[in-house]
Amino acid sequence: PMGAEVTPVDGNRDWVWREERMHHLLSTEDAEV
């Protein structure tokens, strides 16, 4: 965390997107927008 350009949210922890779930969401074709 000390070498990171952006400091973590909570001590040594950061909140990030779950990659596999975001890929699934963005692959779903069930709406116009």
PDB file of all heavy atoms in Angstrom:
ATOM      1  N   PRO A   1       0.804  -1.217   0.000  1.00  0.00           N
ATOM      2  CA  PRO A   1       0.000   0.000   0.000  1.00  0.00           C
ATOM      3  C   PRO A   1       0.840   1.273   0.000  1.00  0.00           C
ATOM      4  O   PRO A   1       0.440   2.289  -0.526  1.00  0.00           O
ATOM      5  CB  PRO A   1      -0.833  -0.114   1.281  1.00  0.00           C
ATOM      6  CG  PRO A   1      -0.100  -1.072   2.140  1.00  0.00           C
ATOM      7  CD  PRO A   1       0.609  -2.007   1.206  1.00  0.00           C
ATOM      8  N   MET A   2       2.033   1.239   0.558  1.00  0.00           N
ATOM      9  CA  MET A   2       2.860   2.446   0.595  1.00  0.00           C
ATOM     10  C   MET A   2       3.425   2.762  -0.791  1.00  0.00           C
ATOM     11  O   MET A   2       3.704   3.903  -1.096  1.00  0.00           O
ATOM     12  CB  MET A   2       4.002   2.285   1.609  1.00  0.00           C
ATOM     13  CG  MET A   2       3.495   2.075   3.036  1.00  0.00           C
ATOM     14  SD  MET A   2       2.280   3.310   3.564  1.00  0.00           S
ATOM     15  CE  MET A   2       3.325   4.721   3.754  1.00  0.00           C
ATOM     16  N   GLY A   3       3.561   1.741  -1.624  1.00  0.00           N
ATOM     17  CA  GLY A   3       4.071   1.970  -2.964  1.00  0.00           C
ATOM     18  C   GLY A   3       2.981   2.244  -3.980  1.00  0.00           C
ATOM     19  O   GLY A   3       3.248   2.579  -5.118  1.00  0.00           O
ATOM     20  N   ALA A   4       1.739   2.096  -3.549  1.00  0.00           N
ATOM     21  CA  ALA A   4       0.622   2.289  -4.474  1.00  0.00           C
ATOM     22  C   ALA A   4       0.413   3.777  -4.739  1.00  0.00           C
ATOM     23  O   ALA A   4       0.613   4.612  -3.863  1.00  0.00           O
ATOM     24  CB  ALA A   4      -0.653   1.676  -3.902  1.00  0.00           C
ATOM     25  N   GLU A   5       0.007   4.082  -5.951  1.00  0.00           N
ATOM     26  CA  GLU A   5      -0.284   5.466  -6.314  1.00  0.00           C
ATOM     27  C   GLU A   5      -1.515   5.974  -5.574  1.00  0.00           C
ATOM     28  O   GLU A   5      -1.596   7.135  -5.208  1.00  0.00           O
ATOM     29  CB  GLU A   5      -0.494   5.559  -7.828  1.00  0.00           C
ATOM     30  CG  GLU A   5      -0.640   6.970  -8.325  1.00  0.00           C
ATOM     31  CD  GLU A   5      -0.707   7.016  -9.838  1.00  0.00           C
ATOM     32  OE1 GLU A   5      -0.116   6.153 -10.496  1.00  0.00           O
ATOM     33  OE2 GLU A   5      -1.358   7.938 -10.343  1.00  0.00           O
ATOM     34  N   VAL A   6      -2.474   5.096  -5.370  1.00  0.00           N
ATOM     35  CA  VAL A   6      -3.698   5.439  -4.661  1.00  0.00           C
ATOM     36  C   VAL A   6      -3.734   4.613  -3.385  1.00  0.00           C
ATOM     37  O   VAL A   6      -3.535   3.405  -3.428  1.00  0.00           O
ATOM     38  CB  VAL A   6      -4.941   5.140  -5.523  1.00  0.00           C
ATOM     39  CG1 VAL A   6      -6.209   5.428  -4.750  1.00  0.00           C
ATOM     40  CG2 VAL A   6      -4.893   5.948  -6.801  1.00  0.00           C
ATOM     41  N   THR A   7      -3.978   5.264  -2.263  1.00  0.00           N
ATOM     42  CA  THR A   7      -3.999   4.537  -1.001  1.00  0.00           C
ATOM     43  C   THR A   7      -5.221   3.646  -0.909  1.00  0.00           C
ATOM     44  O   THR A   7      -6.284   3.988  -1.411  1.00  0.00           O
ATOM     45  CB  THR A   7      -4.001   5.525   0.176  1.00  0.00           C
ATOM     46  OG1 THR A   7      -5.156   6.352   0.065  1.00  0.00           O
ATOM     47  CG2 THR A   7      -2.755   6.373   0.200  1.00  0.00           C
ATOM     48  N   PRO A   8      -5.073   2.502  -0.243  1.00  0.00           N
ATOM     49  CA  PRO A   8      -6.216   1.605  -0.058  1.00  0.00           C
ATOM     50  C   PRO A   8      -7.308   2.281   0.764  1.00  0.00           C
ATOM     51  O   PRO A   8      -7.067   3.248   1.484  1.00  0.00           O
ATOM     52  CB  PRO A   8      -5.616   0.425   0.704  1.00  0.00           C
ATOM     53  CG  PRO A   8      -4.145   0.537   0.550  1.00  0.00           C
ATOM     54  CD  PRO A   8      -3.845   1.977   0.318  1.00  0.00           C
ATOM     55  N   VAL A   9      -8.499   1.748   0.679  1.00  0.00           N
ATOM     56  CA  VAL A   9      -9.642   2.302   1.399  1.00  0.00           C
ATOM     57  C   VAL A   9      -9.508   2.054   2.897  1.00  0.00           C
ATOM     58  O   VAL A   9      -9.774   2.925   3.710  1.00  0.00           O
ATOM     59  CB  VAL A   9     -10.959   1.670   0.879  1.00  0.00           C
ATOM     60  CG1 VAL A   9     -12.149   2.123   1.705  1.00  0.00           C
ATOM     61  CG2 VAL A   9     -11.163   2.021  -0.584  1.00  0.00           C
ATOM     62  N   ASP A  10      -9.079   0.849   3.266  1.00  0.00           N
ATOM     63  CA  ASP A  10      -9.126   0.432   4.657  1.00  0.00           C
ATOM     64  C   ASP A  10      -7.835  -0.288   5.029  1.00  0.00           C
ATOM     65  O   ASP A  10      -7.705  -1.481   4.773  1.00  0.00           O
ATOM     66  CB  ASP A  10     -10.343  -0.491   4.850  1.00  0.00           C
ATOM     67  CG  ASP A  10     -10.455  -1.035   6.259  1.00  0.00           C
ATOM     68  OD1 ASP A  10     -10.122  -0.311   7.207  1.00  0.00           O
ATOM     69  OD2 ASP A  10     -10.885  -2.198   6.397  1.00  0.00           O
ATOM     70  N   GLY A  11      -6.876   0.424   5.604  1.00  0.00           N
ATOM     71  CA  GLY A  11      -5.610  -0.201   5.986  1.00  0.00           C
ATOM     72  C   GLY A  11      -4.906  -0.768   4.790  1.00  0.00           C
ATOM     73  O   GLY A  11      -4.491  -0.045   3.895  1.00  0.00           O
ATOM     74  N   ASN A  12      -4.789  -2.098   4.753  1.00  0.00           N
ATOM     75  CA  ASN A  12      -4.163  -2.785   3.625  1.00  0.00           C
ATOM     76  C   ASN A  12      -5.189  -3.421   2.708  1.00  0.00           C
ATOM     77  O   ASN A  12      -4.871  -4.322   1.959  1.00  0.00           O
ATOM     78  CB  ASN A  12      -3.215  -3.884   4.132  1.00  0.00           C
ATOM     79  CG  ASN A  12      -1.960  -3.308   4.732  1.00  0.00           C
ATOM     80  OD1 ASN A  12      -1.730  -2.110   4.675  1.00  0.00           O
ATOM     81  ND2 ASN A  12      -1.154  -4.157   5.322  1.00  0.00           N
ATOM     82  N   ARG A  13      -6.446  -2.961   2.799  1.00  0.00           N
ATOM     83  CA  ARG A  13      -7.515  -3.547   1.979  1.00  0.00           C
ATOM     84  C   ARG A  13      -8.090  -2.506   1.026  1.00  0.00           C
ATOM     85  O   ARG A  13      -8.177  -1.336   1.354  1.00  0.00           O
ATOM     86  CB  ARG A  13      -8.647  -4.086   2.862  1.00  0.00           C
ATOM     87  CG  ARG A  13      -8.218  -5.165   3.793  1.00  0.00           C
ATOM     88  CD  ARG A  13      -9.325  -5.777   4.619  1.00  0.00           C
ATOM     89  NE  ARG A  13     -10.377  -4.856   4.986  1.00  0.00           N
ATOM     90  CZ  ARG A  13     -11.648  -5.198   5.136  1.00  0.00           C
ATOM     91  NH1 ARG A  13     -12.038  -6.443   4.958  1.00  0.00           N
ATOM     92  NH2 ARG A  13     -12.553  -4.322   5.488  1.00  0.00           N
ATOM     93  N   ASP A  14      -8.458  -2.991  -0.157  1.00  0.00           N
ATOM     94  CA  ASP A  14      -9.114  -2.124  -1.130  1.00  0.00           C
ATOM     95  C   ASP A  14     -10.343  -2.849  -1.675  1.00  0.00           C
ATOM     96  O   ASP A  14     -10.402  -4.068  -1.713  1.00  0.00           O
ATOM     97  CB  ASP A  14      -8.158  -1.760  -2.267  1.00  0.00           C
ATOM     98  CG  ASP A  14      -8.459  -0.409  -2.878  1.00  0.00           C
ATOM     99  OD1 ASP A  14      -9.515   0.180  -2.565  1.00  0.00           O
ATOM    100  OD2 ASP A  14      -7.643   0.062  -3.678  1.00  0.00           O
ATOM    101  N   TRP A  15     -11.322  -2.080  -2.121  1.00  0.00           N
ATOM    102  CA  TRP A  15     -12.603  -2.568  -2.622  1.00  0.00           C
ATOM    103  C   TRP A  15     -12.500  -2.585  -4.126  1.00  0.00           C
ATOM    104  O   TRP A  15     -12.324  -1.540  -4.752  1.00  0.00           O
ATOM    105  CB  TRP A  15     -13.667  -1.589  -2.130  1.00  0.00           C
ATOM    106  CG  TRP A  15     -15.098  -1.889  -2.366  1.00  0.00           C
ATOM    107  CD1 TRP A  15     -15.942  -1.139  -3.133  1.00  0.00           C
ATOM    108  CD2 TRP A  15     -15.900  -2.924  -1.810  1.00  0.00           C
ATOM    109  NE1 TRP A  15     -17.214  -1.663  -3.085  1.00  0.00           N
ATOM    110  CE2 TRP A  15     -17.211  -2.761  -2.277  1.00  0.00           C
ATOM    111  CE3 TRP A  15     -15.627  -3.996  -0.963  1.00  0.00           C
ATOM    112  CZ2 TRP A  15     -18.257  -3.621  -1.920  1.00  0.00           C
ATOM    113  CZ3 TRP A  15     -16.655  -4.841  -0.610  1.00  0.00           C
ATOM    114  CH2 TRP A  15     -17.956  -4.645  -1.089  1.00  0.00           C
ATOM    115  N   VAL A  16     -12.578  -3.773  -4.742  1.00  0.00           N
ATOM    116  CA  VAL A  16     -12.415  -3.901  -6.195  1.00  0.00           C
ATOM    117  C   VAL A  16     -13.569  -4.704  -6.778  1.00  0.00           C
ATOM    118  O   VAL A  16     -14.274  -5.419  -6.059  1.00  0.00           O
ATOM    119  CB  VAL A  16     -11.077  -4.578  -6.566  1.00  0.00           C
ATOM    120  CG1 VAL A  16      -9.896  -3.743  -6.090  1.00  0.00           C
ATOM    121  CG2 VAL A  16     -11.003  -5.997  -6.038  1.00  0.00           C
ATOM    122  N   TRP A  17     -13.752  -4.581  -8.080  1.00  0.00           N
ATOM    123  CA  TRP A  17     -14.786  -5.347  -8.768  1.00  0.00           C
ATOM    124  C   TRP A  17     -14.383  -6.816  -8.829  1.00  0.00           C
ATOM    125  O   TRP A  17     -13.225  -7.146  -9.065  1.00  0.00           O
ATOM    126  CB  TRP A  17     -14.993  -4.812 -10.176  1.00  0.00           C
ATOM    127  CG  TRP A  17     -15.736  -3.514 -10.232  1.00  0.00           C
ATOM    128  CD1 TRP A  17     -16.267  -2.808  -9.184  1.00  0.00           C
ATOM    129  CD2 TRP A  17     -16.032  -2.761 -11.399  1.00  0.00           C
ATOM    130  NE1 TRP A  17     -16.882  -1.669  -9.637  1.00  0.00           N
ATOM    131  CE2 TRP A  17     -16.750  -1.618 -10.994  1.00  0.00           C
ATOM    132  CE3 TRP A  17     -15.764  -2.945 -12.747  1.00  0.00           C
ATOM    133  CZ2 TRP A  17     -17.206  -0.658 -11.890  1.00  0.00           C
ATOM    134  CZ3 TRP A  17     -16.206  -1.985 -13.649  1.00  0.00           C
ATOM    135  CH2 TRP A  17     -16.931  -0.862 -13.219  1.00  0.00           C
ATOM    136  N   ARG A  18     -15.387  -7.692  -8.663  1.00  0.00           N
ATOM    137  CA  ARG A  18     -15.189  -9.126  -8.848  1.00  0.00           C
ATOM    138  C   ARG A  18     -15.176  -9.358 -10.359  1.00  0.00           C
ATOM    139  O   ARG A  18     -16.207  -9.249 -11.018  1.00  0.00           O
ATOM    140  CB  ARG A  18     -16.327  -9.915  -8.204  1.00  0.00           C
ATOM    141  CG  ARG A  18     -16.369  -9.812  -6.694  1.00  0.00           C
ATOM    142  CD  ARG A  18     -17.570 -10.592  -6.164  1.00  0.00           C
ATOM    143  NE  ARG A  18     -17.730 -10.422  -4.756  1.00  0.00           N
ATOM    144  CZ  ARG A  18     -17.271 -11.268  -3.837  1.00  0.00           C
ATOM    145  NH1 ARG A  18     -16.614 -12.343  -4.220  1.00  0.00           N
ATOM    146  NH2 ARG A  18     -17.478 -11.027  -2.563  1.00  0.00           N
ATOM    147  N   GLU A  19     -14.016  -9.655 -10.888  1.00  0.00           N
ATOM    148  CA  GLU A  19     -13.835  -9.670 -12.336  1.00  0.00           C
ATOM    149  C   GLU A  19     -14.757 -10.647 -13.048  1.00  0.00           C
ATOM    150  O   GLU A  19     -15.389 -10.292 -14.042  1.00  0.00           O
ATOM    151  CB  GLU A  19     -12.365  -9.929 -12.669  1.00  0.00           C
ATOM    152  CG  GLU A  19     -11.483  -8.790 -12.190  1.00  0.00           C
ATOM    153  CD  GLU A  19     -10.010  -9.018 -12.429  1.00  0.00           C
ATOM    154  OE1 GLU A  19      -9.640  -9.971 -13.158  1.00  0.00           O
ATOM    155  OE2 GLU A  19      -9.212  -8.228 -11.875  1.00  0.00           O
ATOM    156  N   GLU A  20     -14.849 -11.883 -12.554  1.00  0.00           N
ATOM    157  CA  GLU A  20     -15.677 -12.881 -13.245  1.00  0.00           C
ATOM    158  C   GLU A  20     -17.145 -12.456 -13.242  1.00  0.00           C
ATOM    159  O   GLU A  20     -17.861 -12.648 -14.238  1.00  0.00           O
ATOM    160  CB  GLU A  20     -15.493 -14.276 -12.631  1.00  0.00           C
ATOM    161  CG  GLU A  20     -16.074 -14.464 -11.234  1.00  0.00           C
ATOM    162  CD  GLU A  20     -15.308 -13.789 -10.081  1.00  0.00           C
ATOM    163  OE1 GLU A  20     -14.156 -13.345 -10.272  1.00  0.00           O
ATOM    164  OE2 GLU A  20     -15.883 -13.698  -8.977  1.00  0.00           O
ATOM    165  N   ARG A  21     -17.606 -11.847 -12.163  1.00  0.00           N
ATOM    166  CA  ARG A  21     -19.011 -11.428 -12.087  1.00  0.00           C
ATOM    167  C   ARG A  21     -19.284 -10.214 -12.967  1.00  0.00           C
ATOM    168  O   ARG A  21     -20.357 -10.104 -13.561  1.00  0.00           O
ATOM    169  CB  ARG A  21     -19.408 -11.170 -10.639  1.00  0.00           C
ATOM    170  CG  ARG A  21     -19.395 -12.463  -9.832  1.00  0.00           C
ATOM    171  CD  ARG A  21     -19.826 -12.268  -8.420  1.00  0.00           C
ATOM    172  NE  ARG A  21     -19.706 -13.536  -7.702  1.00  0.00           N
ATOM    173  CZ  ARG A  21     -19.984 -13.679  -6.438  1.00  0.00           C
ATOM    174  NH1 ARG A  21     -20.434 -12.654  -5.734  1.00  0.00           N
ATOM    175  NH2 ARG A  21     -19.839 -14.852  -5.849  1.00  0.00           N
ATOM    176  N   MET A  22     -18.316  -9.325 -13.051  1.00  0.00           N
ATOM    177  CA  MET A  22     -18.493  -8.165 -13.945  1.00  0.00           C
ATOM    178  C   MET A  22     -18.484  -8.619 -15.401  1.00  0.00           C
ATOM    179  O   MET A  22     -19.276  -8.120 -16.200  1.00  0.00           O
ATOM    180  CB  MET A  22     -17.408  -7.115 -13.688  1.00  0.00           C
ATOM    181  CG  MET A  22     -17.577  -6.379 -12.371  1.00  0.00           C
ATOM    182  SD  MET A  22     -19.159  -5.514 -12.218  1.00  0.00           S
ATOM    183  CE  MET A  22     -19.004  -4.281 -13.486  1.00  0.00           C
ATOM    184  N   HIS A  23     -17.608  -9.561 -15.742  1.00  0.00           N
ATOM    185  CA  HIS A  23     -17.607 -10.091 -17.112  1.00  0.00           C
ATOM    186  C   HIS A  23     -18.970 -10.708 -17.440  1.00  0.00           C
ATOM    187  O   HIS A  23     -19.507 -10.499 -18.531  1.00  0.00           O
ATOM    188  CB  HIS A  23     -16.491 -11.119 -17.308  1.00  0.00           C
ATOM    189  CG  HIS A  23     -15.138 -10.524 -17.493  1.00  0.00           C
ATOM    190  ND1 HIS A  23     -14.805  -9.720 -18.563  1.00  0.00           N
ATOM    191  CD2 HIS A  23     -14.026 -10.599 -16.728  1.00  0.00           C
ATOM    192  CE1 HIS A  23     -13.554  -9.330 -18.456  1.00  0.00           C
ATOM    193  NE2 HIS A  23     -13.048  -9.848 -17.351  1.00  0.00           N
ATOM    194  N   HIS A  24     -19.512 -11.461 -16.495  1.00  0.00           N
ATOM    195  CA  HIS A  24     -20.830 -12.081 -16.706  1.00  0.00           C
ATOM    196  C   HIS A  24     -21.906 -11.013 -16.888  1.00  0.00           C
ATOM    197  O   HIS A  24     -22.722 -11.093 -17.821  1.00  0.00           O
ATOM    198  CB  HIS A  24     -21.174 -13.004 -15.541  1.00  0.00           C
ATOM    199  CG  HIS A  24     -22.537 -13.605 -15.660  1.00  0.00           C
ATOM    200  ND1 HIS A  24     -22.831 -14.610 -16.566  1.00  0.00           N
ATOM    201  CD2 HIS A  24     -23.692 -13.320 -15.027  1.00  0.00           C
ATOM    202  CE1 HIS A  24     -24.103 -14.922 -16.469  1.00  0.00           C
ATOM    203  NE2 HIS A  24     -24.658 -14.152 -15.540  1.00  0.00           N
ATOM    204  N   LEU A  25     -21.935 -10.018 -16.007  1.00  0.00           N
ATOM    205  CA  LEU A  25     -22.920  -8.937 -16.123  1.00  0.00           C
ATOM    206  C   LEU A  25     -22.831  -8.259 -17.484  1.00  0.00           C
ATOM    207  O   LEU A  25     -23.847  -8.032 -18.147  1.00  0.00           O
ATOM    208  CB  LEU A  25     -22.705  -7.899 -15.011  1.00  0.00           C
ATOM    209  CG  LEU A  25     -23.546  -6.626 -15.118  1.00  0.00           C
ATOM    210  CD1 LEU A  25     -25.025  -6.925 -14.912  1.00  0.00           C
ATOM    211  CD2 LEU A  25     -23.059  -5.586 -14.109  1.00  0.00           C
ATOM    212  N   LEU A  26     -21.629  -7.942 -17.908  1.00  0.00           N
ATOM    213  CA  LEU A  26     -21.446  -7.211 -19.167  1.00  0.00           C
ATOM    214  C   LEU A  26     -21.673  -8.093 -20.399  1.00  0.00           C
ATOM    215  O   LEU A  26     -21.830  -7.570 -21.504  1.00  0.00           O
ATOM    216  CB  LEU A  26     -20.060  -6.564 -19.206  1.00  0.00           C
ATOM    217  CG  LEU A  26     -19.841  -5.489 -18.138  1.00  0.00           C
ATOM    218  CD1 LEU A  26     -18.387  -5.049 -18.115  1.00  0.00           C
ATOM    219  CD2 LEU A  26     -20.776  -4.307 -18.345  1.00  0.00           C
ATOM    220  N   SER A  27     -21.732  -9.410 -20.213  1.00  0.00           N
ATOM    221  CA  SER A  27     -22.000 -10.329 -21.318  1.00  0.00           C
ATOM    222  C   SER A  27     -23.484 -10.641 -21.468  1.00  0.00           C
ATOM    223  O   SER A  27     -23.899 -11.188 -22.486  1.00  0.00           O
ATOM    224  CB  SER A  27     -21.240 -11.642 -21.114  1.00  0.00           C
ATOM    225  OG  SER A  27     -19.857 -11.397 -21.137  1.00  0.00           O
ATOM    226  N   THR A  28     -24.264 -10.309 -20.460  1.00  0.00           N
ATOM    227  CA  THR A  28     -25.691 -10.609 -20.477  1.00  0.00           C
ATOM    228  C   THR A  28     -26.413  -9.675 -21.438  1.00  0.00           C
ATOM    229  O   THR A  28     -26.186  -8.476 -21.431  1.00  0.00           O
ATOM    230  CB  THR A  28     -26.282 -10.461 -19.056  1.00  0.00           C
ATOM    231  OG1 THR A  28     -25.552 -11.318 -18.188  1.00  0.00           O
ATOM    232  CG2 THR A  28     -27.751 -10.831 -19.030  1.00  0.00           C
ATOM    233  N   GLU A  29     -27.262 -10.236 -22.280  1.00  0.00           N
ATOM    234  CA  GLU A  29     -28.011  -9.474 -23.286  1.00  0.00           C
ATOM    235  C   GLU A  29     -29.496  -9.543 -22.956  1.00  0.00           C
ATOM    236  O   GLU A  29     -30.252 -10.271 -23.597  1.00  0.00           O
ATOM    237  CB  GLU A  29     -27.760 -10.052 -24.679  1.00  0.00           C
ATOM    238  CG  GLU A  29     -26.336  -9.937 -25.157  1.00  0.00           C
ATOM    239  CD  GLU A  29     -25.999  -8.573 -25.745  1.00  0.00           C
ATOM    240  OE1 GLU A  29     -26.924  -7.799 -26.052  1.00  0.00           O
ATOM    241  OE2 GLU A  29     -24.799  -8.297 -25.903  1.00  0.00           O
ATOM    242  N   ASP A  30     -29.946  -8.820 -21.947  1.00  0.00           N
ATOM    243  CA  ASP A  30     -31.351  -8.913 -21.546  1.00  0.00           C
ATOM    244  C   ASP A  30     -32.042  -7.557 -21.426  1.00  0.00           C
ATOM    245  O   ASP A  30     -33.100  -7.461 -20.819  1.00  0.00           O
ATOM    246  CB  ASP A  30     -31.480  -9.693 -20.232  1.00  0.00           C
ATOM    247  CG  ASP A  30     -30.764  -9.029 -19.076  1.00  0.00           C
ATOM    248  OD1 ASP A  30     -30.056  -8.027 -19.291  1.00  0.00           O
ATOM    249  OD2 ASP A  30     -30.910  -9.516 -17.938  1.00  0.00           O
ATOM    250  N   ALA A  31     -31.452  -6.530 -22.010  1.00  0.00           N
ATOM    251  CA  ALA A  31     -32.057  -5.196 -21.983  1.00  0.00           C
ATOM    252  C   ALA A  31     -31.464  -4.376 -23.131  1.00  0.00           C
ATOM    253  O   ALA A  31     -30.390  -4.692 -23.640  1.00  0.00           O
ATOM    254  CB  ALA A  31     -31.782  -4.509 -20.652  1.00  0.00           C
ATOM    255  N   GLU A  32     -32.172  -3.332 -23.523  1.00  0.00           N
ATOM    256  CA  GLU A  32     -31.635  -2.439 -24.558  1.00  0.00           C
ATOM    257  C   GLU A  32     -30.442  -1.660 -24.054  1.00  0.00           C
ATOM    258  O   GLU A  32     -29.494  -1.405 -24.788  1.00  0.00           O
ATOM    259  CB  GLU A  32     -32.714  -1.456 -25.028  1.00  0.00           C
ATOM    260  CG  GLU A  32     -33.641  -2.020 -26.060  1.00  0.00           C
ATOM    261  CD  GLU A  32     -34.551  -0.935 -26.614  1.00  0.00           C
ATOM    262  OE1 GLU A  32     -34.059   0.163 -26.951  1.00  0.00           O
ATOM    263  OE2 GLU A  32     -35.755  -1.207 -26.713  1.00  0.00           O
ATOM    264  N   VAL A  33     -30.532  -1.254 -22.774  1.00  0.00           N
ATOM    265  CA  VAL A  33     -29.477  -0.444 -22.167  1.00  0.00           C
ATOM    266  C   VAL A  33     -29.164  -1.004 -20.794  1.00  0.00           C
ATOM    267  O   VAL A  33     -30.068  -1.373 -20.042  1.00  0.00           O
ATOM    268  CB  VAL A  33     -29.915   1.034 -22.025  1.00  0.00           C
ATOM    269  CG1 VAL A  33     -28.812   1.865 -21.383  1.00  0.00           C
ATOM    270  CG2 VAL A  33     -30.307   1.625 -23.370  1.00  0.00           C
TER     271      VAL A  33
END
